[in-house]
């Protein structure tokens, strides 16, 4: 059985191109997963910030009402 290099070379090239395509696809998929994780973290951070702002708003409303009541007394 005589195996010629001209016969094997196209198959090697096809296998190499499939391997490169698979590697690039895997890297892109990993990048998309990382971005999705970052977006989820941003959503969590935004929710925490929103809650803190609402708490601050409640505090300022109390202070404002107190100042209005005390200023009317004078």
PDB file of N, CA and C in Angstrom:
ATOM      1  N   UNK A   1       0.832  -1.160   0.000  1.00  0.00           N
ATOM      2  CA  UNK A   1       0.000   0.000   0.000  1.00  0.00           C
ATOM      3  C   UNK A   1       0.887   1.237   0.000  1.00  0.00           C
ATOM      4  N   UNK A   2       0.717   2.029  -1.015  1.00  0.00           N
ATOM      5  CA  UNK A   2       1.535   3.217  -1.180  1.00  0.00           C
ATOM      6  C   UNK A   2       0.655   4.441  -0.920  1.00  0.00           C
ATOM      7  N   UNK A   3       1.002   5.207   0.126  1.00  0.00           N
ATOM      8  CA  UNK A   3       0.251   6.412   0.459  1.00  0.00           C
ATOM      9  C   UNK A   3       1.010   7.604  -0.096  1.00  0.00           C
ATOM     10  N   UNK A   4       0.339   8.343  -0.931  1.00  0.00           N
ATOM     11  CA  UNK A   4       0.958   9.494  -1.563  1.00  0.00           C
ATOM     12  C   UNK A   4       0.650  10.747  -0.744  1.00  0.00           C
ATOM     13  N   UNK A   5       1.612  11.628  -0.615  1.00  0.00           N
ATOM     14  CA  UNK A   5       1.426  12.850   0.152  1.00  0.00           C
ATOM     15  C   UNK A   5       0.400  13.764  -0.506  1.00  0.00           C
ATOM     16  N   UNK A   6       0.286  13.696  -1.828  1.00  0.00           N
ATOM     17  CA  UNK A   6      -0.699  14.500  -2.546  1.00  0.00           C
ATOM     18  C   UNK A   6      -2.124  14.081  -2.170  1.00  0.00           C
ATOM     19  N   UNK A   7      -2.295  12.851  -1.782  1.00  0.00           N
ATOM     20  CA  UNK A   7      -3.603  12.362  -1.377  1.00  0.00           C
ATOM     21  C   UNK A   7      -3.955  12.797   0.057  1.00  0.00           C
ATOM     22  N   UNK A   8      -2.986  12.834   0.937  1.00  0.00           N
ATOM     23  CA  UNK A   8      -3.209  13.152   2.347  1.00  0.00           C
ATOM     24  C   UNK A   8      -3.278  14.658   2.597  1.00  0.00           C
ATOM     25  N   UNK A   9      -2.543  15.443   1.845  1.00  0.00           N
ATOM     26  CA  UNK A   9      -2.427  16.877   2.087  1.00  0.00           C
ATOM     27  C   UNK A   9      -3.768  17.624   2.102  1.00  0.00           C
ATOM     28  N   UNK A  10      -4.700  17.395   1.204  1.00  0.00           N
ATOM     29  CA  UNK A  10      -5.990  18.114   1.296  1.00  0.00           C
ATOM     30  C   UNK A  10      -6.770  17.797   2.574  1.00  0.00           C
ATOM     31  N   UNK A  11      -6.692  16.553   3.029  1.00  0.00           N
ATOM     32  CA  UNK A  11      -7.377  16.182   4.267  1.00  0.00           C
ATOM     33  C   UNK A  11      -6.742  16.856   5.477  1.00  0.00           C
ATOM     34  N   UNK A  12      -5.435  16.970   5.476  1.00  0.00           N
ATOM     35  CA  UNK A  12      -4.739  17.657   6.558  1.00  0.00           C
ATOM     36  C   UNK A  12      -5.140  19.132   6.582  1.00  0.00           C
ATOM     37  N   UNK A  13      -5.202  19.747   5.410  1.00  0.00           N
ATOM     38  CA  UNK A  13      -5.595  21.155   5.334  1.00  0.00           C
ATOM     39  C   UNK A  13      -7.040  21.349   5.832  1.00  0.00           C
ATOM     40  N   UNK A  14      -7.925  20.444   5.465  1.00  0.00           N
ATOM     41  CA  UNK A  14      -9.322  20.533   5.925  1.00  0.00           C
ATOM     42  C   UNK A  14      -9.395  20.375   7.436  1.00  0.00           C
ATOM     43  N   UNK A  15      -8.680  19.416   7.991  1.00  0.00           N
ATOM     44  CA  UNK A  15      -8.685  19.206   9.438  1.00  0.00           C
ATOM     45  C   UNK A  15      -8.114  20.417  10.182  1.00  0.00           C
ATOM     46  N   UNK A  16      -7.047  21.007   9.625  1.00  0.00           N
ATOM     47  CA  UNK A  16      -6.465  22.200  10.259  1.00  0.00           C
ATOM     48  C   UNK A  16      -7.444  23.366  10.231  1.00  0.00           C
ATOM     49  N   UNK A  17      -8.123  23.563   9.114  1.00  0.00           N
ATOM     50  CA  UNK A  17      -9.073  24.667   9.026  1.00  0.00           C
ATOM     51  C   UNK A  17     -10.264  24.449   9.957  1.00  0.00           C
ATOM     52  N   UNK A  18     -10.707  23.222  10.112  1.00  0.00           N
ATOM     53  CA  UNK A  18     -11.789  22.926  11.059  1.00  0.00           C
ATOM     54  C   UNK A  18     -11.325  23.206  12.488  1.00  0.00           C
ATOM     55  N   UNK A  19     -10.106  22.833  12.804  1.00  0.00           N
ATOM     56  CA  UNK A  19      -9.560  23.093  14.147  1.00  0.00           C
ATOM     57  C   UNK A  19      -9.452  24.579  14.445  1.00  0.00           C
ATOM     58  N   UNK A  20      -8.981  25.348  13.479  1.00  0.00           N
ATOM     59  CA  UNK A  20      -8.865  26.791  13.670  1.00  0.00           C
ATOM     60  C   UNK A  20     -10.245  27.414  13.825  1.00  0.00           C
ATOM     61  N   UNK A  21     -11.192  27.004  13.008  1.00  0.00           N
ATOM     62  CA  UNK A  21     -12.553  27.536  13.106  1.00  0.00           C
ATOM     63  C   UNK A  21     -13.167  27.200  14.466  1.00  0.00           C
ATOM     64  N   UNK A  22     -12.965  25.997  14.926  1.00  0.00           N
ATOM     65  CA  UNK A  22     -13.489  25.590  16.228  1.00  0.00           C
ATOM     66  C   UNK A  22     -12.871  26.425  17.355  1.00  0.00           C
ATOM     67  N   UNK A  23     -11.570  26.648  17.280  1.00  0.00           N
ATOM     68  CA  UNK A  23     -10.892  27.450  18.301  1.00  0.00           C
ATOM     69  C   UNK A  23     -11.389  28.885  18.323  1.00  0.00           C
ATOM     70  N   UNK A  24     -11.565  29.489  17.168  1.00  0.00           N
ATOM     71  CA  UNK A  24     -12.058  30.866  17.101  1.00  0.00           C
ATOM     72  C   UNK A  24     -13.497  30.955  17.621  1.00  0.00           C
ATOM     73  N   UNK A  25     -14.309  29.981  17.279  1.00  0.00           N
ATOM     74  CA  UNK A  25     -15.690  29.951  17.763  1.00  0.00           C
ATOM     75  C   UNK A  25     -15.722  29.834  19.277  1.00  0.00           C
ATOM     76  N   UNK A  26     -14.863  28.995  19.834  1.00  0.00           N
ATOM     77  CA  UNK A  26     -14.814  28.823  21.291  1.00  0.00           C
ATOM     78  C   UNK A  26     -14.402  30.118  21.980  1.00  0.00           C
ATOM     79  N   UNK A  27     -13.419  30.819  21.411  1.00  0.00           N
ATOM     80  CA  UNK A  27     -12.981  32.074  22.011  1.00  0.00           C
ATOM     81  C   UNK A  27     -14.090  33.128  21.960  1.00  0.00           C
ATOM     82  N   UNK A  28     -14.785  33.202  20.858  1.00  0.00           N
ATOM     83  CA  UNK A  28     -15.874  34.171  20.749  1.00  0.00           C
ATOM     84  C   UNK A  28     -17.000  33.836  21.730  1.00  0.00           C
ATOM     85  N   UNK A  29     -17.288  32.568  21.874  1.00  0.00           N
ATOM     86  CA  UNK A  29     -18.324  32.158  22.818  1.00  0.00           C
ATOM     87  C   UNK A  29     -17.925  32.512  24.246  1.00  0.00           C
ATOM     88  N   UNK A  30     -16.659  32.312  24.592  1.00  0.00           N
ATOM     89  CA  UNK A  30     -16.183  32.692  25.921  1.00  0.00           C
ATOM     90  C   UNK A  30     -16.302  34.199  26.137  1.00  0.00           C
ATOM     91  N   UNK A  31     -15.988  34.980  25.107  1.00  0.00           N
ATOM     92  CA  UNK A  31     -16.093  36.435  25.220  1.00  0.00           C
ATOM     93  C   UNK A  31     -17.543  36.859  25.437  1.00  0.00           C
ATOM     94  N   UNK A  32     -18.466  36.230  24.741  1.00  0.00           N
ATOM     95  CA  UNK A  32     -19.886  36.560  24.915  1.00  0.00           C
ATOM     96  C   UNK A  32     -20.343  36.194  26.328  1.00  0.00           C
ATOM     97  N   UNK A  33     -19.896  35.071  26.849  1.00  0.00           N
ATOM     98  CA  UNK A  33     -20.260  34.670  28.208  1.00  0.00           C
ATOM     99  C   UNK A  33     -19.724  35.663  29.228  1.00  0.00           C
ATOM    100  N   UNK A  34     -18.491  36.133  29.031  1.00  0.00           N
ATOM    101  CA  UNK A  34     -17.922  37.115  29.952  1.00  0.00           C
ATOM    102  C   UNK A  34     -18.706  38.421  29.913  1.00  0.00           C
ATOM    103  N   UNK A  35     -19.091  38.847  28.715  1.00  0.00           N
ATOM    104  CA  UNK A  35     -19.866  40.079  28.612  1.00  0.00           C
ATOM    105  C   UNK A  35     -21.236  39.911  29.274  1.00  0.00           C
ATOM    106  N   UNK A  36     -21.840  38.772  29.117  1.00  0.00           N
ATOM    107  CA  UNK A  36     -23.135  38.524  29.756  1.00  0.00           C
ATOM    108  C   UNK A  36     -22.998  38.552  31.276  1.00  0.00           C
ATOM    109  N   UNK A  37     -21.916  37.981  31.795  1.00  0.00           N
ATOM    110  CA  UNK A  37     -21.680  38.021  33.240  1.00  0.00           C
ATOM    111  C   UNK A  37     -21.483  39.457  33.719  1.00  0.00           C
ATOM    112  N   UNK A  38     -20.753  40.260  32.937  1.00  0.00           N
ATOM    113  CA  UNK A  38     -20.538  41.655  33.305  1.00  0.00           C
ATOM    114  C   UNK A  38     -21.859  42.429  33.303  1.00  0.00           C
ATOM    115  N   UNK A  39     -22.716  42.149  32.340  1.00  0.00           N
ATOM    116  CA  UNK A  39     -24.015  42.827  32.281  1.00  0.00           C
ATOM    117  C   UNK A  39     -24.870  42.437  33.475  1.00  0.00           C
ATOM    118  N   UNK A  40     -24.854  41.176  33.851  1.00  0.00           N
ATOM    119  CA  UNK A  40     -25.611  40.743  35.030  1.00  0.00           C
ATOM    120  C   UNK A  40     -25.095  41.448  36.287  1.00  0.00           C
ATOM    121  N   UNK A  41     -23.768  41.603  36.402  1.00  0.00           N
ATOM    122  CA  UNK A  41     -23.193  42.302  37.551  1.00  0.00           C
ATOM    123  C   UNK A  41     -23.615  43.772  37.541  1.00  0.00           C
ATOM    124  N   UNK A  42     -23.666  44.373  36.346  1.00  0.00           N
ATOM    125  CA  UNK A  42     -24.115  45.763  36.244  1.00  0.00           C
ATOM    126  C   UNK A  42     -25.560  45.914  36.702  1.00  0.00           C
ATOM    127  N   UNK A  43     -26.409  44.969  36.321  1.00  0.00           N
ATOM    128  CA  UNK A  43     -27.812  45.015  36.749  1.00  0.00           C
ATOM    129  C   UNK A  43     -27.918  44.948  38.269  1.00  0.00           C
ATOM    130  N   UNK A  44     -27.113  44.106  38.871  1.00  0.00           N
ATOM    131  CA  UNK A  44     -27.119  43.987  40.326  1.00  0.00           C
ATOM    132  C   UNK A  44     -26.649  45.290  40.966  1.00  0.00           C
ATOM    133  N   UNK A  45     -25.566  45.853  40.423  1.00  0.00           N
ATOM    134  CA  UNK A  45     -25.050  47.110  40.966  1.00  0.00           C
ATOM    135  C   UNK A  45     -26.070  48.236  40.830  1.00  0.00           C
ATOM    136  N   UNK A  46     -26.728  48.296  39.696  1.00  0.00           N
ATOM    137  CA  UNK A  46     -27.724  49.340  39.472  1.00  0.00           C
ATOM    138  C   UNK A  46     -28.881  49.200  40.459  1.00  0.00           C
ATOM    139  N   UNK A  47     -29.303  47.977  40.717  1.00  0.00           N
ATOM    140  CA  UNK A  47     -30.392  47.761  41.678  1.00  0.00           C
ATOM    141  C   UNK A  47     -29.981  48.221  43.072  1.00  0.00           C
ATOM    142  N   UNK A  48     -28.749  47.944  43.469  1.00  0.00           N
ATOM    143  CA  UNK A  48     -28.267  48.361  44.787  1.00  0.00           C
ATOM    144  C   UNK A  48     -28.197  49.881  44.863  1.00  0.00           C
ATOM    145  N   UNK A  49     -27.669  50.507  43.819  1.00  0.00           N
ATOM    146  CA  UNK A  49     -27.568  51.966  43.793  1.00  0.00           C
ATOM    147  C   UNK A  49     -28.954  52.603  43.839  1.00  0.00           C
ATOM    148  N   UNK A  50     -29.882  52.038  43.088  1.00  0.00           N
ATOM    149  CA  UNK A  50     -31.249  52.567  43.076  1.00  0.00           C
ATOM    150  C   UNK A  50     -31.867  52.494  44.472  1.00  0.00           C
ATOM    151  N   UNK A  51     -31.672  51.394  45.158  1.00  0.00           N
ATOM    152  CA  UNK A  51     -32.213  51.228  46.505  1.00  0.00           C
ATOM    153  C   UNK A  51     -31.603  52.248  47.461  1.00  0.00           C
ATOM    154  N   UNK A  52     -30.304  52.475  47.354  1.00  0.00           N
ATOM    155  CA  UNK A  52     -29.654  53.447  48.237  1.00  0.00           C
ATOM    156  C   UNK A  52     -30.143  54.863  47.953  1.00  0.00           C
ATOM    157  N   UNK A  53     -30.368  55.181  46.692  1.00  0.00           N
ATOM    158  CA  UNK A  53     -30.886  56.509  46.347  1.00  0.00           C
ATOM    159  C   UNK A  53     -32.289  56.692  46.900  1.00  0.00           C
ATOM    160  N   UNK A  54     -33.097  55.657  46.823  1.00  0.00           N
ATOM    161  CA  UNK A  54     -34.456  55.744  47.367  1.00  0.00           C
ATOM    162  C   UNK A  54     -34.416  55.936  48.880  1.00  0.00           C
ATOM    163  N   UNK A  55     -33.489  55.267  49.549  1.00  0.00           N
ATOM    164  CA  UNK A  55     -33.351  55.445  50.995  1.00  0.00           C
ATOM    165  C   UNK A  55     -32.912  56.869  51.319  1.00  0.00           C
ATOM    166  N   UNK A  56     -31.992  57.400  50.516  1.00  0.00           N
ATOM    167  CA  UNK A  56     -31.541  58.774  50.731  1.00  0.00           C
ATOM    168  C   UNK A  56     -32.685  59.755  50.488  1.00  0.00           C
ATOM    169  N   UNK A  57     -33.513  59.468  49.495  1.00  0.00           N
ATOM    170  CA  UNK A  57     -34.654  60.330  49.199  1.00  0.00           C
ATOM    171  C   UNK A  57     -35.620  60.339  50.381  1.00  0.00           C
ATOM    172  N   UNK A  58     -35.862  59.183  50.982  1.00  0.00           N
ATOM    173  CA  UNK A  58     -36.733  59.112  52.163  1.00  0.00           C
ATOM    174  C   UNK A  58     -36.161  59.944  53.310  1.00  0.00           C
ATOM    175  N   UNK A  59     -34.849  59.886  53.502  1.00  0.00           N
ATOM    176  CA  UNK A  59     -34.218  60.647  54.573  1.00  0.00           C
ATOM    177  C   UNK A  59     -34.323  62.147  54.312  1.00  0.00           C
ATOM    178  N   UNK A  60     -34.086  62.549  53.083  1.00  0.00           N
ATOM    179  CA  UNK A  60     -34.158  63.978  52.772  1.00  0.00           C
ATOM    180  C   UNK A  60     -35.585  64.495  52.885  1.00  0.00           C
ATOM    181  N   UNK A  61     -36.560  63.669  52.549  1.00  0.00           N
ATOM    182  CA  UNK A  61     -37.955  64.091  52.704  1.00  0.00           C
ATOM    183  C   UNK A  61     -38.275  64.321  54.171  1.00  0.00           C
ATOM    184  N   UNK A  62     -37.779  63.469  55.049  1.00  0.00           N
ATOM    185  CA  UNK A  62     -38.006  63.632  56.489  1.00  0.00           C
ATOM    186  C   UNK A  62     -37.366  64.921  56.977  1.00  0.00           C
ATOM    187  N   UNK A  63     -36.143  65.180  56.538  1.00  0.00           N
ATOM    188  CA  UNK A  63     -35.445  66.399  56.950  1.00  0.00           C
ATOM    189  C   UNK A  63     -36.177  67.633  56.417  1.00  0.00           C
ATOM    190  N   UNK A  64     -36.621  67.553  55.172  1.00  0.00           N
ATOM    191  CA  UNK A  64     -37.350  68.675  54.579  1.00  0.00           C
ATOM    192  C   UNK A  64     -38.644  68.962  55.336  1.00  0.00           C
ATOM    193  N   UNK A  65     -39.394  67.939  55.660  1.00  0.00           N
ATOM    194  CA  UNK A  65     -40.626  68.129  56.427  1.00  0.00           C
ATOM    195  C   UNK A  65     -40.334  68.711  57.805  1.00  0.00           C
ATOM    196  N   UNK A  66     -39.284  68.244  58.440  1.00  0.00           N
ATOM    197  CA  UNK A  66     -38.907  68.753  59.748  1.00  0.00           C
ATOM    198  C   UNK A  66     -38.544  70.231  59.672  1.00  0.00           C
ATOM    199  N   UNK A  67     -37.777  70.601  58.656  1.00  0.00           N
ATOM    200  CA  UNK A  67     -37.375  72.000  58.518  1.00  0.00           C
ATOM    201  C   UNK A  67     -38.575  72.897  58.212  1.00  0.00           C
ATOM    202  N   UNK A  68     -39.491  72.414  57.408  1.00  0.00           N
ATOM    203  CA  UNK A  68     -40.686  73.205  57.102  1.00  0.00           C
ATOM    204  C   UNK A  68     -41.525  73.412  58.358  1.00  0.00           C
ATOM    205  N   UNK A  69     -41.688  72.373  59.151  1.00  0.00           N
ATOM    206  CA  UNK A  69     -42.486  72.474  60.378  1.00  0.00           C
ATOM    207  C   UNK A  69     -41.826  73.412  61.379  1.00  0.00           C
ATOM    208  N   UNK A  70     -40.516  73.294  61.534  1.00  0.00           N
ATOM    209  CA  UNK A  70     -39.822  74.140  62.519  1.00  0.00           C
ATOM    210  C   UNK A  70     -39.737  75.579  62.053  1.00  0.00           C
ATOM    211  N   UNK A  71     -39.663  75.830  60.771  1.00  0.00           N
ATOM    212  CA  UNK A  71     -39.579  77.212  60.282  1.00  0.00           C
ATOM    213  C   UNK A  71     -40.907  77.931  60.420  1.00  0.00           C
ATOM    214  N   UNK A  72     -42.013  77.218  60.384  1.00  0.00           N
ATOM    215  CA  UNK A  72     -43.333  77.832  60.561  1.00  0.00           C
ATOM    216  C   UNK A  72     -43.542  78.268  62.010  1.00  0.00           C
ATOM    217  N   UNK A  73     -42.888  77.588  62.905  1.00  0.00           N
ATOM    218  CA  UNK A  73     -43.039  77.926  64.312  1.00  0.00           C
ATOM    219  C   UNK A  73     -42.384  79.261  64.643  1.00  0.00           C
ATOM    220  N   UNK A  74     -41.417  79.698  63.863  1.00  0.00           N
ATOM    221  CA  UNK A  74     -40.701  80.937  64.179  1.00  0.00           C
ATOM    222  C   UNK A  74     -41.343  82.087  63.547  1.00  0.00           C
TER     223      UNK A  74
END
